[in-house]
Amino acid sequence: MAVVFMTDPATGRCALYDEPSSAGAADNPNAARNAPLNNPTTNLQYLYFHSDLDYMEVSHGPTNVGVGHPAVPAAAAVPGQAAVVVAGGWFNSTVLLTHNLGYVPDFFVVRNGDIVYPGTNVQYEPSDGRARFVTVYATATQIVLYEWALQTASVLAGSNQTYTVVVFRQPPTPSGNILLDFNPATGIVRMGREKFNSSRRYLQVTPGGTSYGFAMGRTIDLNNGAPRYVDPDGSVTDPLLPIVASKVLGINEPNDAPFGPSMRYLGSFTGSPSVLVSVP
């Protein structure tokens, strides 16, 4: 089958694709052979470009933001037991960026070259299990960093971290009547009634420049009551091991029964495939 670039004045769409079949007239946008043009979501496997797709136009960033994470206080110890608070004992929020777009945008935040996923571990003390985790969320006006800590009987020291913020604009609504235009003086290409314009900045999957690791699947696994965190670059963190000295976290059963099996990660999760993305 042929590779086709086609426009449709009736819908304002532009697409570059492999023909899925040879049925119908080649110049009919609604023919079966041109199905990727007017039915893109059900023909993604044939598409190279489509003006209806969201190509992740950059609205803000990349913006580097320094965050001084405060010290995390120690947890109160129970006599004869190690002190540990797994969740709910300490948390903090920091505004990373004010975008004022008026809607909740797509975005990502990068730390140490990897895109932050929910629950990313940013500080860990393996001697006793103290750890700091972060999750980033968006509102209609801000990008906010939320952090919580795994506390033990010792204070977790403050930590200075740098986060890179990139915010994406929603795709524009079609305007005008230009389906395809190339200006040789500027090199700018416009397609799909201004839905795509090469003068805008779009997220790219390309080598070279400053690239960020983006995980294309799971980043956290649970096994034997304990989590494993794997960053896009393959770095592995197994918190909870140990909590104090040679001891590990366990569950105390009802009626003061002995501790259950230690919450030690015993799985084999090695992370998910990742891709490097960059912002021009």
C-alpha atoms as a PDB file:
ATOM      1  CA  MET A   1       0.000   0.000   0.000  1.00  0.00           C
ATOM      2  CA  ALA A   2       1.077   3.569  -0.677  1.00  0.00           C
ATOM      3  CA  VAL A   3       2.161   6.232   1.792  1.00  0.00           C
ATOM      4  CA  VAL A   4      -0.309   9.114   1.421  1.00  0.00           C
ATOM      5  CA  PHE A   5      -0.490  12.760   2.499  1.00  0.00           C
ATOM      6  CA  MET A   6      -4.050  14.001   2.187  1.00  0.00           C
ATOM      7  CA  THR A   7      -6.220  16.939   3.235  1.00  0.00           C
ATOM      8  CA  ASP A   8      -9.982  17.161   3.570  1.00  0.00           C
ATOM      9  CA  PRO A   9     -11.538  20.629   3.061  1.00  0.00           C
ATOM     10  CA  ALA A  10     -14.805  19.428   4.610  1.00  0.00           C
ATOM     11  CA  THR A  11     -13.227  18.566   7.966  1.00  0.00           C
ATOM     12  CA  GLY A  12     -10.040  20.645   7.852  1.00  0.00           C
ATOM     13  CA  ARG A  13      -7.914  17.573   8.567  1.00  0.00           C
ATOM     14  CA  CYS A  14      -4.413  16.792   7.260  1.00  0.00           C
ATOM     15  CA  ALA A  15      -2.715  13.424   7.619  1.00  0.00           C
ATOM     16  CA  LEU A  16       0.287  11.395   6.493  1.00  0.00           C
ATOM     17  CA  TYR A  17      -0.352   7.647   6.640  1.00  0.00           C
ATOM     18  CA  ASP A  18      -0.030   4.189   5.147  1.00  0.00           C
ATOM     19  CA  GLU A  19      -3.112   3.131   3.234  1.00  0.00           C
ATOM     20  CA  PRO A  20      -4.795   0.316   5.180  1.00  0.00           C
ATOM     21  CA  SER A  21      -6.405  -1.051   1.993  1.00  0.00           C
ATOM     22  CA  SER A  22      -6.892  -0.298  -1.696  1.00  0.00           C
ATOM     23  CA  ALA A  23     -10.676  -0.018  -1.498  1.00  0.00           C
ATOM     24  CA  GLY A  24     -12.366   3.098  -2.865  1.00  0.00           C
ATOM     25  CA  ALA A  25     -11.252   6.071  -4.918  1.00  0.00           C
ATOM     26  CA  ALA A  26      -7.838   7.486  -4.065  1.00  0.00           C
ATOM     27  CA  ASP A  27      -9.160  11.073  -4.123  1.00  0.00           C
ATOM     28  CA  ASN A  28     -12.146  10.355  -1.845  1.00  0.00           C
ATOM     29  CA  PRO A  29     -11.304  11.380   1.763  1.00  0.00           C
ATOM     30  CA  ASN A  30     -13.997   9.033   3.061  1.00  0.00           C
ATOM     31  CA  ALA A  31     -12.888   5.951   1.109  1.00  0.00           C
ATOM     32  CA  ALA A  32     -11.697   2.925   3.065  1.00  0.00           C
ATOM     33  CA  ARG A  33      -8.163   3.407   1.766  1.00  0.00           C
ATOM     34  CA  ASN A  34      -8.157   6.878   3.374  1.00  0.00           C
ATOM     35  CA  ALA A  35      -9.738   5.812   6.674  1.00  0.00           C
ATOM     36  CA  PRO A  36      -6.783   7.137   8.751  1.00  0.00           C
ATOM     37  CA  LEU A  37      -7.621  10.680   7.571  1.00  0.00           C
ATOM     38  CA  ASN A  38     -11.148  10.930   8.984  1.00  0.00           C
ATOM     39  CA  ASN A  39     -11.003   8.114  11.545  1.00  0.00           C
ATOM     40  CA  PRO A  40      -7.583   8.636  13.145  1.00  0.00           C
ATOM     41  CA  THR A  41      -8.220   7.103  16.575  1.00  0.00           C
ATOM     42  CA  THR A  42      -9.147   3.715  15.099  1.00  0.00           C
ATOM     43  CA  ASN A  43      -6.248   3.771  12.645  1.00  0.00           C
ATOM     44  CA  LEU A  44      -3.322   4.906  14.785  1.00  0.00           C
ATOM     45  CA  GLN A  45      -1.114   2.063  13.562  1.00  0.00           C
ATOM     46  CA  TYR A  46      -1.125   3.571  10.043  1.00  0.00           C
ATOM     47  CA  LEU A  47      -0.467   7.205  10.995  1.00  0.00           C
ATOM     48  CA  TYR A  48       2.773   9.182  10.781  1.00  0.00           C
ATOM     49  CA  PHE A  49       1.083  12.561  11.327  1.00  0.00           C
ATOM     50  CA  HIS A  50      -2.458  13.794  11.880  1.00  0.00           C
ATOM     51  CA  SER A  51      -3.553  17.356  12.588  1.00  0.00           C
ATOM     52  CA  ASP A  52      -6.140  16.169  15.146  1.00  0.00           C
ATOM     53  CA  LEU A  53      -3.547  14.614  17.430  1.00  0.00           C
ATOM     54  CA  ASP A  54      -2.110  16.442  20.423  1.00  0.00           C
ATOM     55  CA  TYR A  55       1.576  17.055  19.740  1.00  0.00           C
ATOM     56  CA  MET A  56       2.168  18.501  23.219  1.00  0.00           C
ATOM     57  CA  GLU A  57       2.812  22.175  22.561  1.00  0.00           C
ATOM     58  CA  VAL A  58       4.982  23.669  25.284  1.00  0.00           C
ATOM     59  CA  SER A  59       3.356  26.521  27.166  1.00  0.00           C
ATOM     60  CA  HIS A  60       5.875  27.041  30.002  1.00  0.00           C
ATOM     61  CA  GLY A  61       9.420  25.827  30.524  1.00  0.00           C
ATOM     62  CA  PRO A  62      11.677  24.091  30.832  1.00  0.00           C
ATOM     63  CA  THR A  63      11.922  26.028  34.121  1.00  0.00           C
ATOM     64  CA  ASN A  64      14.369  24.977  36.831  1.00  0.00           C
ATOM     65  CA  VAL A  65      13.025  25.374  40.361  1.00  0.00           C
ATOM     66  CA  GLY A  66      15.138  24.907  43.481  1.00  0.00           C
ATOM     67  CA  VAL A  67      13.265  23.422  46.429  1.00  0.00           C
ATOM     68  CA  GLY A  68      14.602  23.330  49.968  1.00  0.00           C
ATOM     69  CA  HIS A  69      12.847  20.318  51.462  1.00  0.00           C
ATOM     70  CA  PRO A  70      12.552  20.834  55.221  1.00  0.00           C
ATOM     71  CA  ALA A  71      13.812  18.378  57.800  1.00  0.00           C
ATOM     72  CA  VAL A  72      11.340  15.657  58.738  1.00  0.00           C
ATOM     73  CA  PRO A  73      10.877  15.208  62.496  1.00  0.00           C
ATOM     74  CA  ALA A  74      11.420  11.852  64.152  1.00  0.00           C
ATOM     75  CA  ALA A  75       8.474   9.599  64.902  1.00  0.00           C
ATOM     76  CA  ALA A  76       7.517   8.895  68.493  1.00  0.00           C
ATOM     77  CA  ALA A  77       8.914   5.558  69.632  1.00  0.00           C
ATOM     78  CA  VAL A  78       6.866   2.857  71.336  1.00  0.00           C
ATOM     79  CA  PRO A  79       8.790   1.224  74.219  1.00  0.00           C
ATOM     80  CA  GLY A  80      10.526  -1.929  73.021  1.00  0.00           C
ATOM     81  CA  GLN A  81       9.699  -1.271  69.354  1.00  0.00           C
ATOM     82  CA  ALA A  82      11.237   0.646  66.478  1.00  0.00           C
ATOM     83  CA  ALA A  83       9.478   3.912  65.661  1.00  0.00           C
ATOM     84  CA  VAL A  84       8.162   4.181  62.113  1.00  0.00           C
ATOM     85  CA  VAL A  85       5.326   6.078  60.471  1.00  0.00           C
ATOM     86  CA  VAL A  86       4.631   4.795  56.951  1.00  0.00           C
ATOM     87  CA  ALA A  87       2.133   7.407  55.833  1.00  0.00           C
ATOM     88  CA  GLY A  88       0.033  10.248  57.137  1.00  0.00           C
ATOM     89  CA  GLY A  89       2.541  11.345  59.748  1.00  0.00           C
ATOM     90  CA  TRP A  90       4.259  14.144  57.813  1.00  0.00           C
ATOM     91  CA  PHE A  91       3.602  15.970  54.564  1.00  0.00           C
ATOM     92  CA  ASN A  92       4.363  19.275  52.864  1.00  0.00           C
ATOM     93  CA  SER A  93       3.421  21.129  49.658  1.00  0.00           C
ATOM     94  CA  THR A  94       5.402  23.552  47.480  1.00  0.00           C
ATOM     95  CA  VAL A  95       4.214  25.565  44.487  1.00  0.00           C
ATOM     96  CA  LEU A  96       6.691  24.920  41.666  1.00  0.00           C
ATOM     97  CA  LEU A  97       5.165  27.173  39.010  1.00  0.00           C
ATOM     98  CA  THR A  98       2.147  29.442  38.470  1.00  0.00           C
ATOM     99  CA  HIS A  99       0.905  29.035  34.892  1.00  0.00           C
ATOM    100  CA  ASN A 100      -2.534  30.749  35.060  1.00  0.00           C
ATOM    101  CA  LEU A 101      -3.795  28.906  31.957  1.00  0.00           C
ATOM    102  CA  GLY A 102      -7.293  28.691  33.410  1.00  0.00           C
ATOM    103  CA  TYR A 103      -7.497  24.894  32.985  1.00  0.00           C
ATOM    104  CA  VAL A 104      -5.686  21.866  34.375  1.00  0.00           C
ATOM    105  CA  PRO A 105      -2.909  21.252  31.816  1.00  0.00           C
ATOM    106  CA  ASP A 106      -0.757  18.290  30.941  1.00  0.00           C
ATOM    107  CA  PHE A 107       2.745  18.731  32.349  1.00  0.00           C
ATOM    108  CA  PHE A 108       5.808  16.946  33.582  1.00  0.00           C
ATOM    109  CA  VAL A 109       8.450  17.613  36.218  1.00  0.00           C
ATOM    110  CA  VAL A 110      12.015  16.305  35.945  1.00  0.00           C
ATOM    111  CA  ARG A 111      14.514  15.427  38.671  1.00  0.00           C
ATOM    112  CA  ASN A 112      18.025  14.146  37.933  1.00  0.00           C
ATOM    113  CA  GLY A 113      17.142  13.634  34.283  1.00  0.00           C
ATOM    114  CA  ASP A 114      14.060  11.475  34.945  1.00  0.00           C
ATOM    115  CA  ILE A 115      10.436  12.545  34.759  1.00  0.00           C
ATOM    116  CA  VAL A 116       8.891  12.405  38.240  1.00  0.00           C
ATOM    117  CA  TYR A 117       6.176   9.774  38.621  1.00  0.00           C
ATOM    118  CA  PRO A 118       3.670   9.645  41.520  1.00  0.00           C
ATOM    119  CA  GLY A 119       5.547   8.598  44.643  1.00  0.00           C
ATOM    120  CA  THR A 120       9.067   9.215  43.344  1.00  0.00           C
ATOM    121  CA  ASN A 121      11.668   8.641  46.055  1.00  0.00           C
ATOM    122  CA  VAL A 122      13.958  11.696  46.327  1.00  0.00           C
ATOM    123  CA  GLN A 123      15.766  10.991  49.610  1.00  0.00           C
ATOM    124  CA  TYR A 124      16.513   7.707  51.349  1.00  0.00           C
ATOM    125  CA  GLU A 125      18.579   6.697  54.380  1.00  0.00           C
ATOM    126  CA  PRO A 126      19.165   2.932  54.104  1.00  0.00           C
ATOM    127  CA  SER A 127      20.584   2.713  57.636  1.00  0.00           C
ATOM    128  CA  ASP A 128      17.108   2.939  59.148  1.00  0.00           C
ATOM    129  CA  GLY A 129      14.601   3.422  56.321  1.00  0.00           C
ATOM    130  CA  ARG A 130      13.977   7.167  56.541  1.00  0.00           C
ATOM    131  CA  ALA A 131      12.723   8.358  53.163  1.00  0.00           C
ATOM    132  CA  ARG A 132      11.069  11.254  51.347  1.00  0.00           C
ATOM    133  CA  PHE A 133       8.652  10.793  48.443  1.00  0.00           C
ATOM    134  CA  VAL A 134       7.117  13.342  46.073  1.00  0.00           C
ATOM    135  CA  THR A 135       4.121  13.539  43.772  1.00  0.00           C
ATOM    136  CA  VAL A 136       3.339  16.490  41.497  1.00  0.00           C
ATOM    137  CA  TYR A 137      -0.136  17.663  40.517  1.00  0.00           C
ATOM    138  CA  ALA A 138      -1.679  20.504  38.516  1.00  0.00           C
ATOM    139  CA  THR A 139      -4.505  22.921  39.191  1.00  0.00           C
ATOM    140  CA  ALA A 140      -6.011  25.501  36.845  1.00  0.00           C
ATOM    141  CA  THR A 141      -3.329  27.973  37.966  1.00  0.00           C
ATOM    142  CA  GLN A 142      -0.367  26.086  39.483  1.00  0.00           C
ATOM    143  CA  ILE A 143       1.955  23.085  39.396  1.00  0.00           C
ATOM    144  CA  VAL A 144       2.329  21.824  42.976  1.00  0.00           C
ATOM    145  CA  LEU A 145       4.840  19.437  44.559  1.00  0.00           C
ATOM    146  CA  TYR A 146       3.414  17.288  47.366  1.00  0.00           C
ATOM    147  CA  GLU A 147       5.795  15.357  49.605  1.00  0.00           C
ATOM    148  CA  TRP A 148       5.411  12.846  52.402  1.00  0.00           C
ATOM    149  CA  ALA A 149       7.905  10.961  54.503  1.00  0.00           C
ATOM    150  CA  LEU A 150       8.648   7.564  55.947  1.00  0.00           C
ATOM    151  CA  GLN A 151       9.640   8.499  59.480  1.00  0.00           C
ATOM    152  CA  THR A 152      11.738   6.628  62.031  1.00  0.00           C
ATOM    153  CA  ALA A 153      13.167   7.477  65.448  1.00  0.00           C
ATOM    154  CA  SER A 154      15.730   9.759  63.765  1.00  0.00           C
ATOM    155  CA  VAL A 155      15.265  13.117  62.033  1.00  0.00           C
ATOM    156  CA  LEU A 156      15.485  13.062  58.241  1.00  0.00           C
ATOM    157  CA  ALA A 157      17.720  15.995  57.310  1.00  0.00           C
ATOM    158  CA  GLY A 158      16.546  18.726  54.976  1.00  0.00           C
ATOM    159  CA  SER A 159      17.461  18.323  51.301  1.00  0.00           C
ATOM    160  CA  ASN A 160      17.966  20.795  48.447  1.00  0.00           C
ATOM    161  CA  GLN A 161      16.597  19.505  45.151  1.00  0.00           C
ATOM    162  CA  THR A 162      16.193  21.010  41.680  1.00  0.00           C
ATOM    163  CA  TYR A 163      13.063  20.250  39.658  1.00  0.00           C
ATOM    164  CA  THR A 164      12.527  21.143  35.994  1.00  0.00           C
ATOM    165  CA  VAL A 165       8.927  22.017  35.096  1.00  0.00           C
ATOM    166  CA  VAL A 166       7.379  21.781  31.609  1.00  0.00           C
ATOM    167  CA  VAL A 167       3.716  22.675  31.031  1.00  0.00           C
ATOM    168  CA  PHE A 168       1.793  21.891  27.844  1.00  0.00           C
ATOM    169  CA  ARG A 169      -0.929  23.915  26.176  1.00  0.00           C
ATOM    170  CA  GLN A 170      -4.214  22.364  25.085  1.00  0.00           C
ATOM    171  CA  PRO A 171      -4.450  21.908  21.277  1.00  0.00           C
ATOM    172  CA  PRO A 172      -5.877  25.024  19.598  1.00  0.00           C
ATOM    173  CA  THR A 173      -9.284  25.056  17.982  1.00  0.00           C
ATOM    174  CA  PRO A 174      -9.242  25.195  14.156  1.00  0.00           C
ATOM    175  CA  SER A 175      -9.183  28.683  12.664  1.00  0.00           C
ATOM    176  CA  GLY A 176      -9.000  30.095   9.133  1.00  0.00           C
ATOM    177  CA  ASN A 177      -9.176  27.922   6.030  1.00  0.00           C
ATOM    178  CA  ILE A 178      -5.542  26.974   5.305  1.00  0.00           C
ATOM    179  CA  LEU A 179      -5.106  23.209   5.111  1.00  0.00           C
ATOM    180  CA  LEU A 180      -1.414  23.264   4.197  1.00  0.00           C
ATOM    181  CA  ASP A 181       1.014  26.154   3.846  1.00  0.00           C
ATOM    182  CA  PHE A 182       4.798  26.373   3.656  1.00  0.00           C
ATOM    183  CA  ASN A 183       6.592  29.707   3.799  1.00  0.00           C
ATOM    184  CA  PRO A 184      10.049  29.269   2.193  1.00  0.00           C
ATOM    185  CA  ALA A 185      11.252  32.570   3.660  1.00  0.00           C
ATOM    186  CA  THR A 186      10.605  31.479   7.259  1.00  0.00           C
ATOM    187  CA  GLY A 187      10.547  27.713   6.880  1.00  0.00           C
ATOM    188  CA  ILE A 188       7.257  27.602   8.815  1.00  0.00           C
ATOM    189  CA  VAL A 189       4.723  24.899   7.984  1.00  0.00           C
ATOM    190  CA  ARG A 190       1.059  25.319   8.917  1.00  0.00           C
ATOM    191  CA  MET A 191      -1.477  22.519   8.653  1.00  0.00           C
ATOM    192  CA  GLY A 192      -5.030  21.638   9.570  1.00  0.00           C
ATOM    193  CA  ARG A 193      -6.444  25.161   9.842  1.00  0.00           C
ATOM    194  CA  GLU A 194      -3.725  26.249  12.317  1.00  0.00           C
ATOM    195  CA  LYS A 195      -3.982  23.182  14.525  1.00  0.00           C
ATOM    196  CA  PHE A 196      -0.310  22.548  13.736  1.00  0.00           C
ATOM    197  CA  ASN A 197       2.279  25.262  13.271  1.00  0.00           C
ATOM    198  CA  SER A 198       5.996  24.408  13.151  1.00  0.00           C
ATOM    199  CA  SER A 199       6.899  27.748  14.770  1.00  0.00           C
ATOM    200  CA  ARG A 200       5.451  26.453  18.043  1.00  0.00           C
ATOM    201  CA  ARG A 201       7.479  24.326  20.448  1.00  0.00           C
ATOM    202  CA  TYR A 202       6.418  20.689  20.636  1.00  0.00           C
ATOM    203  CA  LEU A 203       7.677  17.827  22.775  1.00  0.00           C
ATOM    204  CA  GLN A 204      10.044  15.649  20.743  1.00  0.00           C
ATOM    205  CA  VAL A 205      11.312  12.093  20.852  1.00  0.00           C
ATOM    206  CA  THR A 206      14.764  12.667  19.464  1.00  0.00           C
ATOM    207  CA  PRO A 207      18.402  12.120  20.395  1.00  0.00           C
ATOM    208  CA  GLY A 208      20.673  15.029  21.231  1.00  0.00           C
ATOM    209  CA  GLY A 209      20.234  18.073  23.421  1.00  0.00           C
ATOM    210  CA  THR A 210      18.823  17.859  26.924  1.00  0.00           C
ATOM    211  CA  SER A 211      16.653  14.758  27.123  1.00  0.00           C
ATOM    212  CA  TYR A 212      14.451  13.467  29.915  1.00  0.00           C
ATOM    213  CA  GLY A 213      13.703   9.842  30.740  1.00  0.00           C
ATOM    214  CA  PHE A 214       9.983   9.024  30.484  1.00  0.00           C
ATOM    215  CA  ALA A 215       8.701   5.668  31.753  1.00  0.00           C
ATOM    216  CA  MET A 216       6.153   4.053  29.444  1.00  0.00           C
ATOM    217  CA  GLY A 217       4.777   1.680  32.057  1.00  0.00           C
ATOM    218  CA  ARG A 218       4.723   0.903  35.763  1.00  0.00           C
ATOM    219  CA  THR A 219       7.364   2.422  38.013  1.00  0.00           C
ATOM    220  CA  ILE A 220       6.312   0.829  41.340  1.00  0.00           C
ATOM    221  CA  ASP A 221       5.825  -2.804  42.320  1.00  0.00           C
ATOM    222  CA  LEU A 222       4.513  -4.306  45.563  1.00  0.00           C
ATOM    223  CA  ASN A 223       5.655  -7.617  46.996  1.00  0.00           C
ATOM    224  CA  ASN A 224       5.595  -9.131  50.481  1.00  0.00           C
ATOM    225  CA  GLY A 225       4.077  -5.926  51.854  1.00  0.00           C
ATOM    226  CA  ALA A 226       6.910  -3.725  50.556  1.00  0.00           C
ATOM    227  CA  PRO A 227       7.310  -1.483  47.482  1.00  0.00           C
ATOM    228  CA  ARG A 228      10.064  -1.235  44.896  1.00  0.00           C
ATOM    229  CA  TYR A 229      10.591   2.006  42.948  1.00  0.00           C
ATOM    230  CA  VAL A 230      12.350   1.912  39.566  1.00  0.00           C
ATOM    231  CA  ASP A 231      13.177   5.208  37.839  1.00  0.00           C
ATOM    232  CA  PRO A 232      13.159   5.543  34.022  1.00  0.00           C
ATOM    233  CA  ASP A 233      16.979   5.301  34.051  1.00  0.00           C
ATOM    234  CA  GLY A 234      16.752   1.936  35.851  1.00  0.00           C
ATOM    235  CA  SER A 235      17.710   3.132  39.338  1.00  0.00           C
ATOM    236  CA  VAL A 236      16.108   0.911  42.000  1.00  0.00           C
ATOM    237  CA  THR A 237      15.009   1.882  45.523  1.00  0.00           C
ATOM    238  CA  ASP A 238      13.664  -0.618  48.050  1.00  0.00           C
ATOM    239  CA  PRO A 239      12.558   1.450  51.063  1.00  0.00           C
ATOM    240  CA  LEU A 240      11.625  -0.134  54.402  1.00  0.00           C
ATOM    241  CA  LEU A 241      14.806  -2.204  54.417  1.00  0.00           C
ATOM    242  CA  PRO A 242      16.005  -2.004  57.109  1.00  0.00           C
ATOM    243  CA  ILE A 243      14.198   0.198  59.620  1.00  0.00           C
ATOM    244  CA  VAL A 244      16.759  -0.034  62.422  1.00  0.00           C
ATOM    245  CA  ALA A 245      20.028  -1.918  62.317  1.00  0.00           C
ATOM    246  CA  SER A 246      19.285  -5.461  61.138  1.00  0.00           C
ATOM    247  CA  LYS A 247      15.529  -5.214  61.770  1.00  0.00           C
ATOM    248  CA  VAL A 248      12.912  -4.702  59.106  1.00  0.00           C
ATOM    249  CA  LEU A 249       9.343  -3.486  59.234  1.00  0.00           C
ATOM    250  CA  GLY A 250       6.687  -6.042  60.184  1.00  0.00           C
ATOM    251  CA  ILE A 251       2.986  -6.140  60.998  1.00  0.00           C
ATOM    252  CA  ASN A 252       1.872  -6.617  64.594  1.00  0.00           C
ATOM    253  CA  GLU A 253      -1.162  -8.884  64.562  1.00  0.00           C
ATOM    254  CA  PRO A 254      -4.194  -8.367  66.884  1.00  0.00           C
ATOM    255  CA  ASN A 255      -4.047  -9.241  70.583  1.00  0.00           C
ATOM    256  CA  ASP A 256      -0.299  -8.562  70.807  1.00  0.00           C
ATOM    257  CA  ALA A 257       0.549 -11.629  68.736  1.00  0.00           C
ATOM    258  CA  PRO A 258       4.129 -11.825  67.424  1.00  0.00           C
ATOM    259  CA  PHE A 259       5.124  -9.730  64.450  1.00  0.00           C
ATOM    260  CA  GLY A 260       4.251 -11.219  61.093  1.00  0.00           C
ATOM    261  CA  PRO A 261       6.753 -11.739  58.271  1.00  0.00           C
ATOM    262  CA  SER A 262       9.032  -8.787  57.623  1.00  0.00           C
ATOM    263  CA  MET A 263       7.928  -6.383  54.893  1.00  0.00           C
ATOM    264  CA  ARG A 264      10.984  -7.008  52.775  1.00  0.00           C
ATOM    265  CA  TYR A 265      10.645  -6.682  48.991  1.00  0.00           C
ATOM    266  CA  LEU A 266      11.162 -10.166  47.517  1.00  0.00           C
ATOM    267  CA  GLY A 267       9.996  -9.587  43.946  1.00  0.00           C
ATOM    268  CA  SER A 268      11.906  -9.242  40.686  1.00  0.00           C
ATOM    269  CA  PHE A 269      10.521  -6.022  39.170  1.00  0.00           C
ATOM    270  CA  THR A 270      13.111  -4.250  37.002  1.00  0.00           C
ATOM    271  CA  GLY A 271      11.018  -1.363  35.707  1.00  0.00           C
ATOM    272  CA  SER A 272       9.300  -0.587  32.413  1.00  0.00           C
ATOM    273  CA  PRO A 273      10.597   0.465  29.000  1.00  0.00           C
ATOM    274  CA  SER A 274      11.396   4.165  28.778  1.00  0.00           C
ATOM    275  CA  VAL A 275      11.991   6.745  26.093  1.00  0.00           C
ATOM    276  CA  LEU A 276      14.002   9.969  26.022  1.00  0.00           C
ATOM    277  CA  VAL A 277      11.958  13.092  25.268  1.00  0.00           C
ATOM    278  CA  SER A 278      13.222  16.623  24.789  1.00  0.00           C
ATOM    279  CA  VAL A 279      11.842  20.152  24.655  1.00  0.00           C
ATOM    280  CA  PRO A 280      13.173  22.399  21.833  1.00  0.00           C
END
